[in-house]
Amino acid sequence: MATKLHYFIIYKPYKVLSQFSDEDGNPGLGSLYQLPKDVYPVGRLDLDSEGLLLLTNDKKLNHRLLNPQFAHTRTYWVEVEGLPTRESMEKLEKGVDIKVGGKIHHTAPAKVRRIDSPGLAERDPPVNRVKHPITNWLEICLGEGKNRQVRKMTACVGHPTLRLVRVAIESLGLAPLQPGEITQISQKALYGKLKLK
């Protein structure tokens, strides 16, 4: 009997793990959602990152999204410390050297632009505005997803990341979900938005 395939999109909140079990006092996805036992996250978002996370039991989708040979554009809204110059944004676009697994990795070309504050729901707890009075938002589009890549990239050009929200993978968007919300999507709609056949 064929396995029934399930596809869910969630807005992973800040300080929630991209796994079902709790760990080190931090809640996992199992604390928020009751889902079929064979569903799992595709990829991950760090504990202190927020936004779009896919959950499925479709092994083919997992392979196509995580294998580096199938590049998929991921879009992030990133609140950084300070005011990035055109020069620092061009560095991010051309690629910078970051450490991944103890080795130097030169990041692939990215699309970077400054955006107005996107009007997201306030994070809980919020960014400390006393400690970080001057912040700006960037939209960063990447075709790769190394561990903590965006944070390492912005730190490399002198603008540490204060808040990081993944808002899209290809044309699959996070809106209109709010932190903690979940929605189910059909395979056809999902594969279309991810440009998969």
C-alpha atoms as a PDB file:
ATOM      1  CA  MET A   1       0.000   0.000   0.000  1.00  0.00           C
ATOM      2  CA  ALA A   2       1.429   3.387  -1.067  1.00  0.00           C
ATOM      3  CA  THR A   3       2.342   5.844   1.669  1.00  0.00           C
ATOM      4  CA  LYS A   4       0.031   8.849   1.810  1.00  0.00           C
ATOM      5  CA  LEU A   5       2.227  11.885   1.262  1.00  0.00           C
ATOM      6  CA  HIS A   6       1.784  14.933   3.480  1.00  0.00           C
ATOM      7  CA  TYR A   7       3.117  18.466   2.988  1.00  0.00           C
ATOM      8  CA  PHE A   8       3.001  21.178   5.641  1.00  0.00           C
ATOM      9  CA  ILE A   9       4.437  24.694   5.785  1.00  0.00           C
ATOM     10  CA  ILE A  10       5.125  26.278   9.161  1.00  0.00           C
ATOM     11  CA  TYR A  11       6.337  29.634  10.392  1.00  0.00           C
ATOM     12  CA  LYS A  12       8.969  28.399  12.831  1.00  0.00           C
ATOM     13  CA  PRO A  13       9.132  30.783  15.779  1.00  0.00           C
ATOM     14  CA  TYR A  14      12.301  32.093  17.401  1.00  0.00           C
ATOM     15  CA  LYS A  15      13.894  29.719  19.952  1.00  0.00           C
ATOM     16  CA  VAL A  16      12.039  26.640  18.665  1.00  0.00           C
ATOM     17  CA  LEU A  17      14.150  23.733  17.414  1.00  0.00           C
ATOM     18  CA  SER A  18      13.827  22.359  13.851  1.00  0.00           C
ATOM     19  CA  GLN A  19      13.171  18.879  15.288  1.00  0.00           C
ATOM     20  CA  PHE A  20      10.249  17.273  17.081  1.00  0.00           C
ATOM     21  CA  SER A  21      11.924  16.588  20.414  1.00  0.00           C
ATOM     22  CA  ASP A  22      12.749  19.203  23.056  1.00  0.00           C
ATOM     23  CA  GLU A  23      16.416  19.690  23.919  1.00  0.00           C
ATOM     24  CA  ASP A  24      18.388  21.727  26.482  1.00  0.00           C
ATOM     25  CA  GLY A  25      15.249  23.492  27.678  1.00  0.00           C
ATOM     26  CA  ASN A  26      14.249  24.561  24.161  1.00  0.00           C
ATOM     27  CA  PRO A  27      10.947  23.332  22.712  1.00  0.00           C
ATOM     28  CA  GLY A  28      10.848  21.206  19.585  1.00  0.00           C
ATOM     29  CA  LEU A  29       8.165  21.164  16.902  1.00  0.00           C
ATOM     30  CA  GLY A  30       6.360  18.381  18.790  1.00  0.00           C
ATOM     31  CA  SER A  31       5.451  20.940  21.458  1.00  0.00           C
ATOM     32  CA  LEU A  32       3.579  22.998  18.863  1.00  0.00           C
ATOM     33  CA  TYR A  33       2.073  20.529  16.397  1.00  0.00           C
ATOM     34  CA  GLN A  34       0.385  17.136  16.315  1.00  0.00           C
ATOM     35  CA  LEU A  35       1.438  15.678  12.961  1.00  0.00           C
ATOM     36  CA  PRO A  36       1.579  12.205  11.336  1.00  0.00           C
ATOM     37  CA  LYS A  37       4.419  10.155  12.843  1.00  0.00           C
ATOM     38  CA  ASP A  38       6.393   9.827   9.576  1.00  0.00           C
ATOM     39  CA  VAL A  39       6.532  13.594   8.836  1.00  0.00           C
ATOM     40  CA  TYR A  40       9.855  15.378   9.404  1.00  0.00           C
ATOM     41  CA  PRO A  41      11.437  18.785   8.606  1.00  0.00           C
ATOM     42  CA  VAL A  42      13.155  19.252   5.240  1.00  0.00           C
ATOM     43  CA  GLY A  43      16.347  21.082   6.112  1.00  0.00           C
ATOM     44  CA  ARG A  44      16.453  23.234   9.185  1.00  0.00           C
ATOM     45  CA  LEU A  45      16.478  26.710  10.612  1.00  0.00           C
ATOM     46  CA  ASP A  46      18.749  27.533  13.540  1.00  0.00           C
ATOM     47  CA  LEU A  47      17.264  27.915  16.994  1.00  0.00           C
ATOM     48  CA  ASP A  48      17.525  31.705  16.741  1.00  0.00           C
ATOM     49  CA  SER A  49      16.213  31.915  13.156  1.00  0.00           C
ATOM     50  CA  GLU A  50      12.563  32.133  12.177  1.00  0.00           C
ATOM     51  CA  GLY A  51      10.353  31.533   9.205  1.00  0.00           C
ATOM     52  CA  LEU A  52       9.503  29.081   6.461  1.00  0.00           C
ATOM     53  CA  LEU A  53      10.069  25.414   7.244  1.00  0.00           C
ATOM     54  CA  LEU A  54       8.694  22.487   5.239  1.00  0.00           C
ATOM     55  CA  LEU A  55       7.536  19.276   6.887  1.00  0.00           C
ATOM     56  CA  THR A  56       6.848  16.160   4.825  1.00  0.00           C
ATOM     57  CA  ASN A  57       7.234  12.408   4.499  1.00  0.00           C
ATOM     58  CA  ASP A  58       8.183  12.736   0.799  1.00  0.00           C
ATOM     59  CA  LYS A  59      11.753  11.394   0.577  1.00  0.00           C
ATOM     60  CA  LYS A  60      12.092  12.531  -3.050  1.00  0.00           C
ATOM     61  CA  LEU A  61      11.363  16.124  -2.046  1.00  0.00           C
ATOM     62  CA  ASN A  62      13.915  15.903   0.759  1.00  0.00           C
ATOM     63  CA  HIS A  63      16.598  14.767  -1.725  1.00  0.00           C
ATOM     64  CA  ARG A  64      15.737  17.412  -4.327  1.00  0.00           C
ATOM     65  CA  LEU A  65      15.767  20.297  -1.845  1.00  0.00           C
ATOM     66  CA  LEU A  66      18.859  19.356   0.158  1.00  0.00           C
ATOM     67  CA  ASN A  67      21.200  17.977  -2.518  1.00  0.00           C
ATOM     68  CA  PRO A  68      23.568  20.818  -3.575  1.00  0.00           C
ATOM     69  CA  GLN A  69      23.339  19.772  -7.239  1.00  0.00           C
ATOM     70  CA  PHE A  70      19.736  21.053  -7.276  1.00  0.00           C
ATOM     71  CA  ALA A  71      20.186  24.713  -6.329  1.00  0.00           C
ATOM     72  CA  HIS A  72      17.073  26.392  -4.937  1.00  0.00           C
ATOM     73  CA  THR A  73      16.807  30.091  -4.192  1.00  0.00           C
ATOM     74  CA  ARG A  74      16.097  30.843  -0.548  1.00  0.00           C
ATOM     75  CA  THR A  75      15.025  34.362   0.403  1.00  0.00           C
ATOM     76  CA  TYR A  76      15.757  35.830   3.832  1.00  0.00           C
ATOM     77  CA  TRP A  77      14.799  39.088   5.507  1.00  0.00           C
ATOM     78  CA  VAL A  78      17.692  40.000   7.753  1.00  0.00           C
ATOM     79  CA  GLU A  79      17.821  42.731  10.372  1.00  0.00           C
ATOM     80  CA  VAL A  80      21.450  43.758  10.794  1.00  0.00           C
ATOM     81  CA  GLU A  81      23.318  46.059  13.120  1.00  0.00           C
ATOM     82  CA  GLY A  82      24.267  49.429  11.656  1.00  0.00           C
ATOM     83  CA  LEU A  83      23.800  50.771   8.130  1.00  0.00           C
ATOM     84  CA  PRO A  84      25.416  48.621   5.417  1.00  0.00           C
ATOM     85  CA  THR A  85      27.201  50.598   2.707  1.00  0.00           C
ATOM     86  CA  ARG A  86      26.856  49.851  -0.996  1.00  0.00           C
ATOM     87  CA  GLU A  87      30.408  48.447  -0.810  1.00  0.00           C
ATOM     88  CA  SER A  88      29.561  45.951   1.953  1.00  0.00           C
ATOM     89  CA  MET A  89      26.426  44.864   0.093  1.00  0.00           C
ATOM     90  CA  GLU A  90      28.459  44.307  -3.080  1.00  0.00           C
ATOM     91  CA  LYS A  91      30.857  42.112  -1.097  1.00  0.00           C
ATOM     92  CA  LEU A  92      27.899  39.982   0.032  1.00  0.00           C
ATOM     93  CA  GLU A  93      26.676  39.774  -3.569  1.00  0.00           C
ATOM     94  CA  LYS A  94      30.051  38.703  -4.974  1.00  0.00           C
ATOM     95  CA  GLY A  95      30.744  36.234  -2.163  1.00  0.00           C
ATOM     96  CA  VAL A  96      32.760  36.300   1.050  1.00  0.00           C
ATOM     97  CA  ASP A  97      34.968  33.777   2.836  1.00  0.00           C
ATOM     98  CA  ILE A  98      33.271  32.084   5.785  1.00  0.00           C
ATOM     99  CA  LYS A  99      34.227  29.066   7.885  1.00  0.00           C
ATOM    100  CA  VAL A 100      32.105  25.948   7.368  1.00  0.00           C
ATOM    101  CA  GLY A 101      33.081  22.785   9.204  1.00  0.00           C
ATOM    102  CA  GLY A 102      36.525  24.186   9.991  1.00  0.00           C
ATOM    103  CA  LYS A 103      37.272  24.965   6.326  1.00  0.00           C
ATOM    104  CA  ILE A 104      37.092  28.230   4.389  1.00  0.00           C
ATOM    105  CA  HIS A 105      34.124  28.407   2.035  1.00  0.00           C
ATOM    106  CA  HIS A 106      33.686  31.209  -0.511  1.00  0.00           C
ATOM    107  CA  THR A 107      29.977  31.889  -0.716  1.00  0.00           C
ATOM    108  CA  ALA A 108      28.245  31.735  -4.084  1.00  0.00           C
ATOM    109  CA  PRO A 109      26.968  34.967  -5.655  1.00  0.00           C
ATOM    110  CA  ALA A 110      23.872  36.292  -3.895  1.00  0.00           C
ATOM    111  CA  LYS A 111      21.257  38.974  -4.501  1.00  0.00           C
ATOM    112  CA  VAL A 112      21.234  41.602  -1.754  1.00  0.00           C
ATOM    113  CA  ARG A 113      19.125  44.742  -1.388  1.00  0.00           C
ATOM    114  CA  ARG A 114      18.106  47.049   1.410  1.00  0.00           C
ATOM    115  CA  ILE A 115      14.380  46.942   2.270  1.00  0.00           C
ATOM    116  CA  ASP A 116      12.070  48.921   4.514  1.00  0.00           C
ATOM    117  CA  SER A 117      11.140  47.311   7.814  1.00  0.00           C
ATOM    118  CA  PRO A 118       8.910  44.460   6.611  1.00  0.00           C
ATOM    119  CA  GLY A 119       6.303  44.841   9.357  1.00  0.00           C
ATOM    120  CA  LEU A 120       6.700  41.321  10.713  1.00  0.00           C
ATOM    121  CA  ALA A 121       5.117  40.306  13.999  1.00  0.00           C
ATOM    122  CA  GLU A 122       7.428  41.319  16.867  1.00  0.00           C
ATOM    123  CA  ARG A 123       9.794  38.585  17.928  1.00  0.00           C
ATOM    124  CA  ASP A 124       9.421  37.115  21.413  1.00  0.00           C
ATOM    125  CA  PRO A 125      11.618  38.288  23.049  1.00  0.00           C
ATOM    126  CA  PRO A 126      12.254  41.295  20.757  1.00  0.00           C
ATOM    127  CA  VAL A 127      15.638  42.553  19.567  1.00  0.00           C
ATOM    128  CA  ASN A 128      17.231  44.746  22.253  1.00  0.00           C
ATOM    129  CA  ARG A 129      16.763  48.260  20.823  1.00  0.00           C
ATOM    130  CA  VAL A 130      18.794  49.873  23.618  1.00  0.00           C
ATOM    131  CA  LYS A 131      21.837  47.732  22.818  1.00  0.00           C
ATOM    132  CA  HIS A 132      21.232  47.979  19.045  1.00  0.00           C
ATOM    133  CA  PRO A 133      19.747  51.446  18.345  1.00  0.00           C
ATOM    134  CA  ILE A 134      20.673  51.543  14.637  1.00  0.00           C
ATOM    135  CA  THR A 135      19.496  48.607  12.543  1.00  0.00           C
ATOM    136  CA  ASN A 136      18.545  48.041   8.918  1.00  0.00           C
ATOM    137  CA  TRP A 137      16.795  45.287   6.980  1.00  0.00           C
ATOM    138  CA  LEU A 138      18.299  43.457   4.026  1.00  0.00           C
ATOM    139  CA  GLU A 139      16.739  40.957   1.657  1.00  0.00           C
ATOM    140  CA  ILE A 140      19.274  38.255   0.820  1.00  0.00           C
ATOM    141  CA  CYS A 141      18.618  35.605  -1.849  1.00  0.00           C
ATOM    142  CA  LEU A 142      20.931  32.585  -1.831  1.00  0.00           C
ATOM    143  CA  GLY A 143      21.190  29.430  -3.905  1.00  0.00           C
ATOM    144  CA  GLU A 144      23.021  27.522  -1.169  1.00  0.00           C
ATOM    145  CA  GLY A 145      22.407  26.874   2.512  1.00  0.00           C
ATOM    146  CA  LYS A 146      25.532  26.271   4.567  1.00  0.00           C
ATOM    147  CA  ASN A 147      25.332  26.131   8.357  1.00  0.00           C
ATOM    148  CA  ARG A 148      24.564  29.620   9.732  1.00  0.00           C
ATOM    149  CA  GLN A 149      25.605  31.044   6.373  1.00  0.00           C
ATOM    150  CA  VAL A 150      23.669  34.312   6.400  1.00  0.00           C
ATOM    151  CA  ARG A 151      24.854  35.178   9.917  1.00  0.00           C
ATOM    152  CA  LYS A 152      28.469  34.457   8.998  1.00  0.00           C
ATOM    153  CA  MET A 153      28.162  36.512   5.806  1.00  0.00           C
ATOM    154  CA  THR A 154      26.773  39.652   7.455  1.00  0.00           C
ATOM    155  CA  ALA A 155      29.290  39.398  10.321  1.00  0.00           C
ATOM    156  CA  CYS A 156      32.074  39.155   7.721  1.00  0.00           C
ATOM    157  CA  VAL A 157      31.175  42.618   6.376  1.00  0.00           C
ATOM    158  CA  GLY A 158      30.801  44.159   9.839  1.00  0.00           C
ATOM    159  CA  HIS A 159      27.022  44.020  10.260  1.00  0.00           C
ATOM    160  CA  PRO A 160      26.037  41.219  12.659  1.00  0.00           C
ATOM    161  CA  THR A 161      22.611  39.666  12.140  1.00  0.00           C
ATOM    162  CA  LEU A 162      20.110  40.517  14.876  1.00  0.00           C
ATOM    163  CA  ARG A 163      17.043  38.862  13.370  1.00  0.00           C
ATOM    164  CA  LEU A 164      16.770  36.360  10.529  1.00  0.00           C
ATOM    165  CA  VAL A 165      13.538  35.238   8.856  1.00  0.00           C
ATOM    166  CA  ARG A 166      13.354  32.858   5.878  1.00  0.00           C
ATOM    167  CA  VAL A 167      10.447  34.176   3.833  1.00  0.00           C
ATOM    168  CA  ALA A 168      10.610  32.032   0.676  1.00  0.00           C
ATOM    169  CA  ILE A 169      12.062  29.009  -1.074  1.00  0.00           C
ATOM    170  CA  GLU A 170      11.780  29.651  -4.840  1.00  0.00           C
ATOM    171  CA  SER A 171       8.210  31.064  -5.155  1.00  0.00           C
ATOM    172  CA  LEU A 172       6.886  29.274  -2.059  1.00  0.00           C
ATOM    173  CA  GLY A 173       6.284  32.155   0.348  1.00  0.00           C
ATOM    174  CA  LEU A 174       5.802  32.376   4.101  1.00  0.00           C
ATOM    175  CA  ALA A 175       2.905  34.886   3.976  1.00  0.00           C
ATOM    176  CA  PRO A 176       0.236  35.041   5.311  1.00  0.00           C
ATOM    177  CA  LEU A 177       1.423  32.742   8.133  1.00  0.00           C
ATOM    178  CA  GLN A 178       2.243  34.262  11.525  1.00  0.00           C
ATOM    179  CA  PRO A 179       4.795  32.807  13.995  1.00  0.00           C
ATOM    180  CA  GLY A 180       3.769  29.295  15.034  1.00  0.00           C
ATOM    181  CA  GLU A 181       1.089  28.909  12.360  1.00  0.00           C
ATOM    182  CA  ILE A 182       0.894  25.896  10.055  1.00  0.00           C
ATOM    183  CA  THR A 183      -0.859  25.142   6.785  1.00  0.00           C
ATOM    184  CA  GLN A 184      -1.161  22.072   4.584  1.00  0.00           C
ATOM    185  CA  ILE A 185      -0.403  22.239   0.857  1.00  0.00           C
ATOM    186  CA  SER A 186      -0.964  19.814  -2.024  1.00  0.00           C
ATOM    187  CA  GLN A 187       1.931  18.089  -3.759  1.00  0.00           C
ATOM    188  CA  LYS A 188       1.003  19.714  -7.079  1.00  0.00           C
ATOM    189  CA  ALA A 189       0.941  23.238  -5.638  1.00  0.00           C
ATOM    190  CA  LEU A 190       4.144  22.713  -3.654  1.00  0.00           C
ATOM    191  CA  TYR A 191       6.111  21.177  -6.531  1.00  0.00           C
ATOM    192  CA  GLY A 192       4.949  23.997  -8.806  1.00  0.00           C
ATOM    193  CA  LYS A 193       6.126  26.690  -6.403  1.00  0.00           C
ATOM    194  CA  LEU A 194       9.463  24.906  -5.873  1.00  0.00           C
ATOM    195  CA  LYS A 195       9.925  24.417  -9.638  1.00  0.00           C
ATOM    196  CA  LEU A 196      10.153  20.640  -9.259  1.00  0.00           C
ATOM    197  CA  LYS A 197       8.832  18.113 -11.769  1.00  0.00           C
END
